C-alpha atoms as a PDB file:
ATOM      1  CA  UNK A   1       0.053   0.008   0.037  1.00  0.00           C
ATOM      2  CA  UNK A   2       1.450   3.253  -0.878  1.00  0.00           C
ATOM      3  CA  UNK A   3       0.744   6.796   0.594  1.00  0.00           C
ATOM      4  CA  UNK A   4       1.403  10.093  -0.538  1.00  0.00           C
ATOM      5  CA  UNK A   5       3.459  12.707   1.560  1.00  0.00           C
ATOM      6  CA  UNK A   6       1.487  15.130   3.283  1.00  0.00           C
ATOM      7  CA  UNK A   7       3.659  17.905   2.595  1.00  0.00           C
ATOM      8  CA  UNK A   8       2.440  20.273  -0.157  1.00  0.00           C
ATOM      9  CA  UNK A   9       5.794  20.859  -1.590  1.00  0.00           C
ATOM     10  CA  UNK A  10       6.297  17.206  -2.267  1.00  0.00           C
ATOM     11  CA  UNK A  11       4.752  15.163  -5.190  1.00  0.00           C
ATOM     12  CA  UNK A  12       6.804  11.956  -4.010  1.00  0.00           C
ATOM     13  CA  UNK A  13       5.009   8.758  -3.142  1.00  0.00           C
ATOM     14  CA  UNK A  14       6.447   7.009  -0.027  1.00  0.00           C
ATOM     15  CA  UNK A  15       5.876   3.319   1.191  1.00  0.00           C
ATOM     16  CA  UNK A  16       4.645   2.716   4.440  1.00  0.00           C
ATOM     17  CA  UNK A  17       8.048   1.090   5.341  1.00  0.00           C
ATOM     18  CA  UNK A  18      10.459   3.649   3.161  1.00  0.00           C
ATOM     19  CA  UNK A  19      10.920   7.240   4.240  1.00  0.00           C
ATOM     20  CA  UNK A  20       9.068   8.796   6.947  1.00  0.00           C
ATOM     21  CA  UNK A  21       6.437  11.350   6.229  1.00  0.00           C
ATOM     22  CA  UNK A  22       8.772  13.995   8.154  1.00  0.00           C
ATOM     23  CA  UNK A  23      11.354  14.439   5.760  1.00  0.00           C
ATOM     24  CA  UNK A  24      13.237  17.699   5.376  1.00  0.00           C
ATOM     25  CA  UNK A  25      13.436  19.793   2.319  1.00  0.00           C
ATOM     26  CA  UNK A  26      17.070  20.362   1.655  1.00  0.00           C
ATOM     27  CA  UNK A  27      16.450  22.621  -1.406  1.00  0.00           C
ATOM     28  CA  UNK A  28      14.313  25.024   1.042  1.00  0.00           C
ATOM     29  CA  UNK A  29      16.840  24.867   3.720  1.00  0.00           C
ATOM     30  CA  UNK A  30      19.289  26.339   1.342  1.00  0.00           C
ATOM     31  CA  UNK A  31      16.905  28.470  -0.305  1.00  0.00           C
ATOM     32  CA  UNK A  32      17.333  27.333  -3.919  1.00  0.00           C
ATOM     33  CA  UNK A  33      14.402  25.764  -6.176  1.00  0.00           C
ATOM     34  CA  UNK A  34      14.474  22.292  -7.256  1.00  0.00           C
ATOM     35  CA  UNK A  35      16.634  22.026 -10.585  1.00  0.00           C
ATOM     36  CA  UNK A  36      19.188  24.394  -9.316  1.00  0.00           C
ATOM     37  CA  UNK A  37      22.526  24.382 -10.747  1.00  0.00           C
ATOM     38  CA  UNK A  38      25.454  23.072  -8.211  1.00  0.00           C
ATOM     39  CA  UNK A  39      27.018  26.188  -8.645  1.00  0.00           C
ATOM     40  CA  UNK A  40      23.834  28.123  -7.239  1.00  0.00           C
ATOM     41  CA  UNK A  41      23.538  25.467  -4.586  1.00  0.00           C
ATOM     42  CA  UNK A  42      27.165  25.988  -3.578  1.00  0.00           C
ATOM     43  CA  UNK A  43      26.960  29.579  -3.788  1.00  0.00           C
ATOM     44  CA  UNK A  44      23.542  29.518  -1.392  1.00  0.00           C
ATOM     45  CA  UNK A  45      25.726  27.489   0.935  1.00  0.00           C
ATOM     46  CA  UNK A  46      28.354  29.625   1.355  1.00  0.00           C
ATOM     47  CA  UNK A  47      26.467  32.619   1.992  1.00  0.00           C
ATOM     48  CA  UNK A  48      24.085  30.843   4.696  1.00  0.00           C
ATOM     49  CA  UNK A  49      27.332  29.073   6.195  1.00  0.00           C
ATOM     50  CA  UNK A  50      29.077  32.566   6.637  1.00  0.00           C
ATOM     51  CA  UNK A  51      25.754  34.084   7.776  1.00  0.00           C
ATOM     52  CA  UNK A  52      25.125  31.342  10.633  1.00  0.00           C
ATOM     53  CA  UNK A  53      28.748  30.493  11.474  1.00  0.00           C
ATOM     54  CA  UNK A  54      28.238  30.337  15.302  1.00  0.00           C
ATOM     55  CA  UNK A  55      31.482  31.996  15.754  1.00  0.00           C
ATOM     56  CA  UNK A  56      30.194  35.381  13.726  1.00  0.00           C
ATOM     57  CA  UNK A  57      26.827  35.366  14.194  1.00  0.00           C
ATOM     58  CA  UNK A  58      25.268  38.801  15.647  1.00  0.00           C
ATOM     59  CA  UNK A  59      21.646  39.069  17.105  1.00  0.00           C
ATOM     60  CA  UNK A  60      20.865  35.523  17.450  1.00  0.00           C
ATOM     61  CA  UNK A  61      22.087  32.767  20.349  1.00  0.00           C
ATOM     62  CA  UNK A  62      25.107  31.103  19.783  1.00  0.00           C
ATOM     63  CA  UNK A  63      22.969  27.802  20.364  1.00  0.00           C
ATOM     64  CA  UNK A  64      20.134  28.594  17.466  1.00  0.00           C
ATOM     65  CA  UNK A  65      22.946  29.787  14.955  1.00  0.00           C
ATOM     66  CA  UNK A  66      24.958  26.485  15.479  1.00  0.00           C
ATOM     67  CA  UNK A  67      21.686  24.462  14.915  1.00  0.00           C
ATOM     68  CA  UNK A  68      20.994  26.459  11.665  1.00  0.00           C
ATOM     69  CA  UNK A  69      24.321  25.654  10.723  1.00  0.00           C
ATOM     70  CA  UNK A  70      24.380  22.275  11.171  1.00  0.00           C
ATOM     71  CA  UNK A  71      20.744  22.252   9.048  1.00  0.00           C
ATOM     72  CA  UNK A  72      22.524  24.132   6.072  1.00  0.00           C
ATOM     73  CA  UNK A  73      25.517  21.671   6.385  1.00  0.00           C
ATOM     74  CA  UNK A  74      23.779  18.810   6.244  1.00  0.00           C
ATOM     75  CA  UNK A  75      21.420  20.112   3.251  1.00  0.00           C
ATOM     76  CA  UNK A  76      24.812  20.819   1.280  1.00  0.00           C
ATOM     77  CA  UNK A  77      26.300  17.453   1.921  1.00  0.00           C
ATOM     78  CA  UNK A  78      23.444  15.725   0.527  1.00  0.00           C
ATOM     79  CA  UNK A  79      22.970  18.202  -2.308  1.00  0.00           C
ATOM     80  CA  UNK A  80      26.509  18.796  -3.341  1.00  0.00           C
ATOM     81  CA  UNK A  81      27.140  15.131  -4.647  1.00  0.00           C
ATOM     82  CA  UNK A  82      25.548  14.434  -7.683  1.00  0.00           C
ATOM     83  CA  UNK A  83      24.763  10.802  -6.699  1.00  0.00           C
ATOM     84  CA  UNK A  84      23.134  11.684  -3.112  1.00  0.00           C
ATOM     85  CA  UNK A  85      21.344  14.569  -4.959  1.00  0.00           C
ATOM     86  CA  UNK A  86      19.988  12.178  -7.432  1.00  0.00           C
ATOM     87  CA  UNK A  87      18.811   9.814  -4.686  1.00  0.00           C
ATOM     88  CA  UNK A  88      17.637  12.183  -2.682  1.00  0.00           C
ATOM     89  CA  UNK A  89      15.569  13.730  -5.382  1.00  0.00           C
ATOM     90  CA  UNK A  90      14.070  10.059  -6.305  1.00  0.00           C
ATOM     91  CA  UNK A  91      13.038   9.395  -2.777  1.00  0.00           C
ATOM     92  CA  UNK A  92      15.585   6.095  -2.276  1.00  0.00           C
ATOM     93  CA  UNK A  93      17.811   5.440   0.537  1.00  0.00           C
ATOM     94  CA  UNK A  94      17.996   6.202   4.032  1.00  0.00           C
ATOM     95  CA  UNK A  95      15.862   9.072   5.587  1.00  0.00           C
ATOM     96  CA  UNK A  96      17.696  11.990   4.878  1.00  0.00           C
ATOM     97  CA  UNK A  97      18.229  14.075   7.882  1.00  0.00           C
END
């Protein structure tokens, strides 16, 4: 039996034993649309990493900045490699966290 993801932005079907419905959208985390070039993804990552780095952040708690920095870095790790990005786009593999 197949179930559809409940998130509005997602058009993928997930099996009940596959990925959880609480998956993260790494494209939204980096602020780029799906189908962006690797150059655009890298540029967005560098901008956000510089903005949320815990050592240089101002106007935000160090813990909150560190949490956001970790999310941005995790998203970039998935989307920067062509093979993991393809698997992420197709909904294969482990839960992308």
